[in-house]
Amino acid sequence: MDATNEWHWEGNIIDAVIDYLVERDWIIVKIADTYTKERGEDIRAVKDGQWLIIEAKGYPSRLYRDPRPRGEKKRTNPATQAPKWYSHAIFTAMCLQHRNSDATVAVALPDMSRYRTMHAETAASFTKLNVTMLFVDEYGYVDRLGPL
């Protein structure tokens, strides 16, 4: 088994968000190739002239994804790594917002209790920054907190 098979892997989160957006008549303009770890915007979409840019993160796996140690267990506990991933997503969203002031910016994360707790501690900041949070559960359901 490798980490890309886990429901909370970033690529699976992106796929669920794309399904969510398409169902709501958004046109997907760009999707990052997460499997190859492509850098840049994860999702760019447009609807009625309004741009949407999404930064997605998965949840840290207990397994390595890189070819050499693939399938081996990591030494670091995912709950310990999660705040780093969360803060990286927020920083990226802030940069996206700065460079694309006319777009709506969102962060998409797996619906994990650790991420929910961190969001509860920072929700007012998301509102002030006008950044939307999208939580994706293991069945692909998207819980949107903020405007789209």
N, C-alpha and C. Protein backbone atom coordinates (compact mmCIF):
# COMPACT_ATOMS: atom_id res chain seq x y z
N MET A 1 0.85 -1.19 0.00
CA MET A 1 0.00 0.00 0.00
C MET A 1 0.89 1.24 0.00
N ASP A 2 0.44 2.27 -0.72
CA ASP A 2 1.14 3.55 -0.61
C ASP A 2 0.14 4.64 -0.26
N ALA A 3 0.66 5.79 0.13
CA ALA A 3 -0.17 6.87 0.66
C ALA A 3 -1.20 7.39 -0.33
N THR A 4 -0.98 7.22 -1.64
CA THR A 4 -1.93 7.74 -2.62
C THR A 4 -3.23 6.95 -2.64
N ASN A 5 -3.25 5.80 -1.97
CA ASN A 5 -4.47 4.99 -1.89
C ASN A 5 -5.38 5.42 -0.74
N GLU A 6 -4.89 6.26 0.15
CA GLU A 6 -5.68 6.68 1.30
C GLU A 6 -6.67 7.77 0.90
N TRP A 7 -7.87 7.74 1.44
CA TRP A 7 -8.90 8.70 1.05
C TRP A 7 -8.45 10.13 1.32
N HIS A 8 -7.62 10.34 2.32
CA HIS A 8 -7.21 11.69 2.69
C HIS A 8 -5.95 12.17 1.97
N TRP A 9 -5.51 11.43 0.95
CA TRP A 9 -4.39 11.89 0.12
C TRP A 9 -4.84 13.11 -0.68
N GLU A 10 -3.96 14.06 -0.87
CA GLU A 10 -4.28 15.33 -1.52
C GLU A 10 -4.97 15.16 -2.88
N GLY A 11 -4.50 14.24 -3.69
CA GLY A 11 -5.11 14.02 -5.01
C GLY A 11 -6.58 13.63 -4.91
N ASN A 12 -6.92 12.85 -3.90
CA ASN A 12 -8.32 12.45 -3.70
C ASN A 12 -9.16 13.62 -3.21
N ILE A 13 -8.56 14.50 -2.42
CA ILE A 13 -9.27 15.69 -1.96
C ILE A 13 -9.56 16.60 -3.16
N ILE A 14 -8.57 16.77 -4.02
CA ILE A 14 -8.75 17.59 -5.22
C ILE A 14 -9.86 17.01 -6.10
N ASP A 15 -9.85 15.71 -6.31
CA ASP A 15 -10.89 15.08 -7.14
C ASP A 15 -12.29 15.33 -6.57
N ALA A 16 -12.44 15.22 -5.25
CA ALA A 16 -13.75 15.44 -4.63
C ALA A 16 -14.19 16.90 -4.78
N VAL A 17 -13.25 17.83 -4.63
CA VAL A 17 -13.59 19.25 -4.77
C VAL A 17 -13.97 19.56 -6.21
N ILE A 18 -13.28 18.98 -7.16
CA ILE A 18 -13.63 19.19 -8.57
C ILE A 18 -15.05 18.70 -8.84
N ASP A 19 -15.39 17.51 -8.35
CA ASP A 19 -16.76 17.00 -8.50
C ASP A 19 -17.76 17.98 -7.90
N TYR A 20 -17.47 18.48 -6.72
CA TYR A 20 -18.33 19.44 -6.02
C TYR A 20 -18.53 20.70 -6.88
N LEU A 21 -17.44 21.22 -7.43
CA LEU A 21 -17.52 22.44 -8.23
C LEU A 21 -18.28 22.22 -9.54
N VAL A 22 -18.00 21.15 -10.22
CA VAL A 22 -18.66 20.85 -11.49
C VAL A 22 -20.17 20.71 -11.29
N GLU A 23 -20.57 20.06 -10.18
CA GLU A 23 -22.00 19.93 -9.86
C GLU A 23 -22.66 21.30 -9.66
N ARG A 24 -21.86 22.31 -9.34
CA ARG A 24 -22.37 23.66 -9.11
C ARG A 24 -22.05 24.61 -10.26
N ASP A 25 -21.79 24.02 -11.42
CA ASP A 25 -21.60 24.75 -12.68
C ASP A 25 -20.33 25.58 -12.76
N TRP A 26 -19.32 25.25 -11.99
CA TRP A 26 -18.02 25.89 -12.15
C TRP A 26 -17.31 25.23 -13.32
N ILE A 27 -16.55 26.02 -14.06
CA ILE A 27 -15.73 25.49 -15.16
C ILE A 27 -14.30 25.37 -14.62
N ILE A 28 -13.78 24.16 -14.67
CA ILE A 28 -12.43 23.90 -14.18
C ILE A 28 -11.43 24.30 -15.26
N VAL A 29 -10.54 25.22 -14.94
CA VAL A 29 -9.57 25.75 -15.88
C VAL A 29 -8.21 25.06 -15.71
N LYS A 30 -7.86 24.74 -14.47
CA LYS A 30 -6.56 24.14 -14.20
C LYS A 30 -6.65 23.20 -13.01
N ILE A 31 -5.95 22.07 -13.12
CA ILE A 31 -5.84 21.11 -12.03
C ILE A 31 -4.37 20.72 -11.94
N ALA A 32 -3.79 20.83 -10.76
CA ALA A 32 -2.40 20.42 -10.57
C ALA A 32 -2.30 18.90 -10.58
N ASP A 33 -1.22 18.39 -11.11
CA ASP A 33 -0.95 16.96 -11.09
C ASP A 33 -0.30 16.61 -9.75
N THR A 34 -1.12 16.27 -8.81
CA THR A 34 -0.65 16.01 -7.45
C THR A 34 0.23 14.78 -7.37
N TYR A 35 -0.03 13.80 -8.21
CA TYR A 35 0.77 12.58 -8.14
C TYR A 35 2.24 12.87 -8.43
N THR A 36 2.50 13.82 -9.33
CA THR A 36 3.88 14.19 -9.64
C THR A 36 4.36 15.36 -8.77
N LYS A 37 3.54 15.77 -7.82
CA LYS A 37 3.86 16.86 -6.90
C LYS A 37 4.06 18.19 -7.62
N GLU A 38 3.23 18.41 -8.66
CA GLU A 38 3.29 19.67 -9.40
C GLU A 38 3.07 20.84 -8.45
N ARG A 39 3.86 21.87 -8.61
CA ARG A 39 3.75 23.06 -7.77
C ARG A 39 2.76 24.04 -8.39
N GLY A 40 2.30 24.98 -7.56
CA GLY A 40 1.39 26.01 -8.04
C GLY A 40 -0.03 25.77 -7.57
N GLU A 41 -0.94 26.49 -8.18
CA GLU A 41 -2.36 26.39 -7.81
C GLU A 41 -2.85 24.96 -8.00
N ASP A 42 -3.60 24.47 -7.03
CA ASP A 42 -4.13 23.11 -7.15
C ASP A 42 -5.35 23.07 -8.06
N ILE A 43 -6.24 24.04 -7.89
CA ILE A 43 -7.43 24.13 -8.73
C ILE A 43 -7.68 25.61 -9.06
N ARG A 44 -7.99 25.86 -10.32
CA ARG A 44 -8.45 27.20 -10.74
C ARG A 44 -9.74 26.95 -11.50
N ALA A 45 -10.79 27.68 -11.11
CA ALA A 45 -12.09 27.53 -11.75
C ALA A 45 -12.73 28.90 -11.95
N VAL A 46 -13.73 28.93 -12.83
CA VAL A 46 -14.43 30.18 -13.10
C VAL A 46 -15.92 29.89 -13.24
N LYS A 47 -16.72 30.84 -12.78
CA LYS A 47 -18.18 30.74 -12.92
C LYS A 47 -18.72 32.17 -12.99
N ASP A 48 -19.44 32.47 -14.06
CA ASP A 48 -20.04 33.79 -14.23
C ASP A 48 -19.02 34.91 -14.05
N GLY A 49 -17.81 34.70 -14.57
CA GLY A 49 -16.77 35.71 -14.49
C GLY A 49 -16.03 35.79 -13.17
N GLN A 50 -16.44 34.99 -12.19
CA GLN A 50 -15.79 34.98 -10.87
C GLN A 50 -14.75 33.85 -10.82
N TRP A 51 -13.51 34.21 -10.49
CA TRP A 51 -12.43 33.23 -10.40
C TRP A 51 -12.36 32.63 -9.00
N LEU A 52 -12.02 31.36 -8.96
CA LEU A 52 -11.85 30.62 -7.71
C LEU A 52 -10.51 29.89 -7.79
N ILE A 53 -9.69 30.07 -6.77
CA ILE A 53 -8.39 29.40 -6.70
C ILE A 53 -8.36 28.61 -5.39
N ILE A 54 -7.99 27.34 -5.50
CA ILE A 54 -8.02 26.47 -4.32
C ILE A 54 -6.66 25.86 -4.06
N GLU A 55 -6.25 25.97 -2.81
CA GLU A 55 -5.06 25.28 -2.30
C GLU A 55 -5.57 24.07 -1.54
N ALA A 56 -5.11 22.89 -1.92
CA ALA A 56 -5.54 21.65 -1.27
C ALA A 56 -4.37 21.01 -0.54
N LYS A 57 -4.69 20.36 0.54
CA LYS A 57 -3.72 19.55 1.27
C LYS A 57 -4.42 18.26 1.66
N GLY A 58 -3.63 17.23 1.77
CA GLY A 58 -4.13 15.99 2.32
C GLY A 58 -3.88 15.98 3.82
N TYR A 59 -3.96 14.80 4.38
CA TYR A 59 -3.61 14.63 5.79
C TYR A 59 -2.38 13.74 5.83
N PRO A 60 -1.42 14.05 6.68
CA PRO A 60 -0.20 13.25 6.71
C PRO A 60 -0.50 11.76 6.87
N SER A 61 0.17 10.98 6.08
CA SER A 61 0.01 9.53 6.12
C SER A 61 1.00 8.92 7.11
N ARG A 62 0.69 7.72 7.51
CA ARG A 62 1.65 6.96 8.32
C ARG A 62 2.67 6.28 7.41
N LEU A 63 2.41 6.32 6.09
CA LEU A 63 3.27 5.66 5.12
C LEU A 63 3.99 6.68 4.25
N TYR A 64 5.16 6.30 3.75
CA TYR A 64 5.88 7.13 2.80
C TYR A 64 5.25 6.98 1.43
N ARG A 65 5.37 8.05 0.63
CA ARG A 65 4.86 8.03 -0.73
C ARG A 65 6.01 7.98 -1.74
N ASP A 66 7.18 8.42 -1.34
CA ASP A 66 8.33 8.46 -2.23
C ASP A 66 8.77 7.04 -2.60
N PRO A 67 9.34 6.88 -3.80
CA PRO A 67 9.67 5.54 -4.31
C PRO A 67 10.56 4.69 -3.41
N ARG A 68 11.58 5.27 -2.86
CA ARG A 68 12.54 4.46 -2.11
C ARG A 68 11.92 3.82 -0.85
N PRO A 69 11.34 4.61 0.05
CA PRO A 69 10.78 3.98 1.24
C PRO A 69 9.30 3.64 1.13
N ARG A 70 8.75 3.62 -0.09
CA ARG A 70 7.31 3.42 -0.28
C ARG A 70 6.78 2.25 0.56
N GLY A 71 5.69 2.52 1.25
CA GLY A 71 5.04 1.49 2.06
C GLY A 71 5.60 1.37 3.46
N GLU A 72 6.78 1.93 3.73
CA GLU A 72 7.33 1.89 5.08
C GLU A 72 6.60 2.90 5.95
N LYS A 73 6.54 2.61 7.24
CA LYS A 73 5.90 3.54 8.16
C LYS A 73 6.83 4.70 8.48
N LYS A 74 6.23 5.89 8.58
CA LYS A 74 6.99 7.08 8.96
C LYS A 74 7.21 7.08 10.47
N ARG A 75 8.26 7.75 10.87
CA ARG A 75 8.55 7.87 12.31
C ARG A 75 7.70 8.95 12.95
N THR A 76 7.32 9.98 12.17
CA THR A 76 6.57 11.11 12.71
C THR A 76 5.08 10.80 12.73
N ASN A 77 4.44 11.08 13.84
CA ASN A 77 3.01 10.89 13.99
C ASN A 77 2.27 11.90 13.10
N PRO A 78 1.25 11.46 12.34
CA PRO A 78 0.50 12.39 11.49
C PRO A 78 -0.08 13.59 12.25
N ALA A 79 -0.54 13.38 13.47
CA ALA A 79 -1.11 14.49 14.25
C ALA A 79 -0.05 15.55 14.57
N THR A 80 1.20 15.15 14.62
CA THR A 80 2.30 16.09 14.84
C THR A 80 2.61 16.86 13.57
N GLN A 81 2.52 16.21 12.42
CA GLN A 81 2.78 16.86 11.14
C GLN A 81 1.64 17.76 10.69
N ALA A 82 0.41 17.45 11.07
CA ALA A 82 -0.78 18.15 10.57
C ALA A 82 -0.72 19.67 10.75
N PRO A 83 -0.26 20.21 11.90
CA PRO A 83 -0.20 21.67 12.01
C PRO A 83 0.72 22.32 10.97
N LYS A 84 1.79 21.65 10.61
CA LYS A 84 2.69 22.18 9.58
C LYS A 84 1.98 22.23 8.24
N TRP A 85 1.26 21.18 7.91
CA TRP A 85 0.53 21.14 6.64
C TRP A 85 -0.56 22.20 6.63
N TYR A 86 -1.25 22.34 7.76
CA TYR A 86 -2.32 23.33 7.88
C TYR A 86 -1.75 24.74 7.70
N SER A 87 -0.68 25.04 8.41
CA SER A 87 -0.10 26.38 8.31
C SER A 87 0.45 26.65 6.91
N HIS A 88 0.97 25.64 6.26
CA HIS A 88 1.45 25.82 4.89
C HIS A 88 0.27 26.16 3.97
N ALA A 89 -0.84 25.50 4.16
CA ALA A 89 -2.04 25.77 3.34
C ALA A 89 -2.53 27.21 3.56
N ILE A 90 -2.52 27.65 4.81
CA ILE A 90 -2.96 29.01 5.11
C ILE A 90 -2.01 30.04 4.48
N PHE A 91 -0.71 29.81 4.63
CA PHE A 91 0.26 30.73 4.04
C PHE A 91 0.08 30.81 2.52
N THR A 92 -0.09 29.66 1.89
CA THR A 92 -0.29 29.63 0.44
C THR A 92 -1.56 30.38 0.06
N ALA A 93 -2.63 30.18 0.83
CA ALA A 93 -3.89 30.89 0.56
C ALA A 93 -3.70 32.41 0.67
N MET A 94 -2.94 32.82 1.66
CA MET A 94 -2.68 34.25 1.82
C MET A 94 -1.90 34.80 0.62
N CYS A 95 -0.92 34.06 0.14
CA CYS A 95 -0.16 34.48 -1.04
C CYS A 95 -1.05 34.52 -2.27
N LEU A 96 -1.91 33.52 -2.42
CA LEU A 96 -2.84 33.50 -3.55
C LEU A 96 -3.77 34.70 -3.50
N GLN A 97 -4.25 35.01 -2.31
CA GLN A 97 -5.15 36.15 -2.14
C GLN A 97 -4.43 37.45 -2.49
N HIS A 98 -3.18 37.55 -2.11
CA HIS A 98 -2.38 38.74 -2.40
C HIS A 98 -2.17 38.92 -3.90
N ARG A 99 -1.88 37.82 -4.60
CA ARG A 99 -1.60 37.89 -6.04
C ARG A 99 -2.85 37.92 -6.91
N ASN A 100 -3.99 37.54 -6.35
CA ASN A 100 -5.24 37.44 -7.11
C ASN A 100 -6.37 38.10 -6.33
N SER A 101 -6.28 39.39 -6.12
CA SER A 101 -7.23 40.08 -5.24
C SER A 101 -8.68 40.03 -5.72
N ASP A 102 -8.89 39.79 -7.01
CA ASP A 102 -10.25 39.72 -7.53
C ASP A 102 -10.85 38.31 -7.46
N ALA A 103 -10.04 37.33 -7.07
CA ALA A 103 -10.51 35.94 -7.03
C ALA A 103 -10.94 35.56 -5.62
N THR A 104 -11.78 34.55 -5.55
CA THR A 104 -12.09 33.92 -4.27
C THR A 104 -11.03 32.84 -4.06
N VAL A 105 -10.49 32.79 -2.86
CA VAL A 105 -9.47 31.80 -2.52
C VAL A 105 -10.05 30.85 -1.48
N ALA A 106 -9.76 29.58 -1.65
CA ALA A 106 -10.24 28.57 -0.71
C ALA A 106 -9.12 27.59 -0.38
N VAL A 107 -9.26 26.98 0.79
CA VAL A 107 -8.37 25.91 1.23
C VAL A 107 -9.23 24.66 1.35
N ALA A 108 -8.77 23.56 0.74
CA ALA A 108 -9.49 22.29 0.82
C ALA A 108 -8.66 21.30 1.62
N LEU A 109 -9.28 20.72 2.64
CA LEU A 109 -8.60 19.76 3.51
C LEU A 109 -9.49 18.56 3.78
N PRO A 110 -8.88 17.43 4.09
CA PRO A 110 -9.69 16.29 4.53
C PRO A 110 -10.39 16.63 5.85
N ASP A 111 -11.57 16.12 6.02
CA ASP A 111 -12.34 16.39 7.23
C ASP A 111 -11.84 15.50 8.36
N MET A 112 -10.75 15.92 8.95
CA MET A 112 -10.12 15.20 10.06
C MET A 112 -10.28 16.05 11.32
N SER A 113 -10.47 15.42 12.46
CA SER A 113 -10.71 16.17 13.69
C SER A 113 -9.55 17.12 14.01
N ARG A 114 -8.33 16.74 13.70
CA ARG A 114 -7.18 17.62 13.97
C ARG A 114 -7.29 18.90 13.15
N TYR A 115 -7.66 18.80 11.88
CA TYR A 115 -7.84 19.99 11.05
C TYR A 115 -9.05 20.81 11.51
N ARG A 116 -10.11 20.14 11.90
CA ARG A 116 -11.29 20.87 12.38
C ARG A 116 -10.95 21.70 13.62
N THR A 117 -10.18 21.11 14.52
CA THR A 117 -9.78 21.82 15.74
C THR A 117 -8.94 23.04 15.40
N MET A 118 -7.97 22.88 14.50
CA MET A 118 -7.14 24.02 14.10
C MET A 118 -7.97 25.10 13.41
N HIS A 119 -8.93 24.68 12.60
CA HIS A 119 -9.78 25.66 11.94
C HIS A 119 -10.62 26.43 12.95
N ALA A 120 -11.14 25.73 13.95
CA ALA A 120 -11.94 26.40 14.99
C ALA A 120 -11.11 27.48 15.69
N GLU A 121 -9.80 27.24 15.81
CA GLU A 121 -8.91 28.19 16.47
C GLU A 121 -8.52 29.36 15.55
N THR A 122 -8.79 29.25 14.26
CA THR A 122 -8.39 30.28 13.30
C THR A 122 -9.54 30.78 12.41
N ALA A 123 -10.75 30.36 12.69
CA ALA A 123 -11.89 30.66 11.82
C ALA A 123 -12.11 32.16 11.63
N ALA A 124 -11.94 32.95 12.67
CA ALA A 124 -12.14 34.40 12.54
C ALA A 124 -11.14 34.99 11.54
N SER A 125 -9.94 34.46 11.53
CA SER A 125 -8.93 34.94 10.58
C SER A 125 -9.32 34.61 9.15
N PHE A 126 -9.88 33.42 8.94
CA PHE A 126 -10.33 33.04 7.60
C PHE A 126 -11.38 34.03 7.12
N THR A 127 -12.29 34.42 8.01
CA THR A 127 -13.33 35.37 7.66
C THR A 127 -12.72 36.72 7.29
N LYS A 128 -11.79 37.21 8.10
CA LYS A 128 -11.15 38.50 7.83
C LYS A 128 -10.37 38.47 6.52
N LEU A 129 -9.74 37.34 6.24
CA LEU A 129 -8.97 37.20 5.01
C LEU A 129 -9.85 36.92 3.80
N ASN A 130 -11.13 36.63 4.05
CA ASN A 130 -12.06 36.25 2.99
C ASN A 130 -11.61 34.99 2.27
N VAL A 131 -11.14 34.03 3.05
CA VAL A 131 -10.71 32.73 2.53
C VAL A 131 -11.73 31.69 2.96
N THR A 132 -12.17 30.89 2.01
CA THR A 132 -13.16 29.85 2.26
C THR A 132 -12.47 28.55 2.64
N MET A 133 -13.08 27.79 3.53
CA MET A 133 -12.57 26.48 3.92
C MET A 133 -13.50 25.41 3.36
N LEU A 134 -12.91 24.41 2.74
CA LEU A 134 -13.67 23.27 2.23
C LEU A 134 -13.15 22.01 2.92
N PHE A 135 -14.00 21.38 3.71
CA PHE A 135 -13.63 20.12 4.35
C PHE A 135 -14.25 18.98 3.54
N VAL A 136 -13.44 17.99 3.19
CA VAL A 136 -13.88 16.86 2.38
C VAL A 136 -13.82 15.60 3.22
N ASP A 137 -14.95 14.90 3.31
CA ASP A 137 -14.93 13.66 4.11
C ASP A 137 -14.55 12.46 3.25
N GLU A 138 -14.47 11.30 3.87
CA GLU A 138 -14.00 10.10 3.18
C GLU A 138 -14.93 9.62 2.08
N TYR A 139 -16.16 10.14 2.03
CA TYR A 139 -17.11 9.76 0.98
C TYR A 139 -17.17 10.81 -0.13
N GLY A 140 -16.37 11.87 -0.01
CA GLY A 140 -16.34 12.91 -1.03
C GLY A 140 -17.29 14.06 -0.77
N TYR A 141 -18.01 14.05 0.36
CA TYR A 141 -18.90 15.15 0.70
C TYR A 141 -18.05 16.37 1.07
N VAL A 142 -18.41 17.54 0.55
CA VAL A 142 -17.68 18.78 0.80
C VAL A 142 -18.52 19.68 1.71
N ASP A 143 -17.95 20.06 2.84
CA ASP A 143 -18.58 21.00 3.76
C ASP A 143 -17.89 22.35 3.55
N ARG A 144 -18.62 23.31 3.02
CA ARG A 144 -18.07 24.63 2.70
C ARG A 144 -18.33 25.60 3.84
N LEU A 145 -17.26 26.27 4.28
CA LEU A 145 -17.36 27.30 5.32
C LEU A 145 -16.82 28.59 4.72
N GLY A 146 -17.73 29.46 4.29
CA GLY A 146 -17.35 30.71 3.65
C GLY A 146 -17.95 30.82 2.26
N PRO A 147 -17.68 31.95 1.61
CA PRO A 147 -18.30 32.21 0.30
C PRO A 147 -17.65 31.43 -0.84
N LEU A 148 -18.42 31.22 -1.88
CA LEU A 148 -17.87 30.67 -3.15
C LEU A 148 -18.44 31.45 -4.30
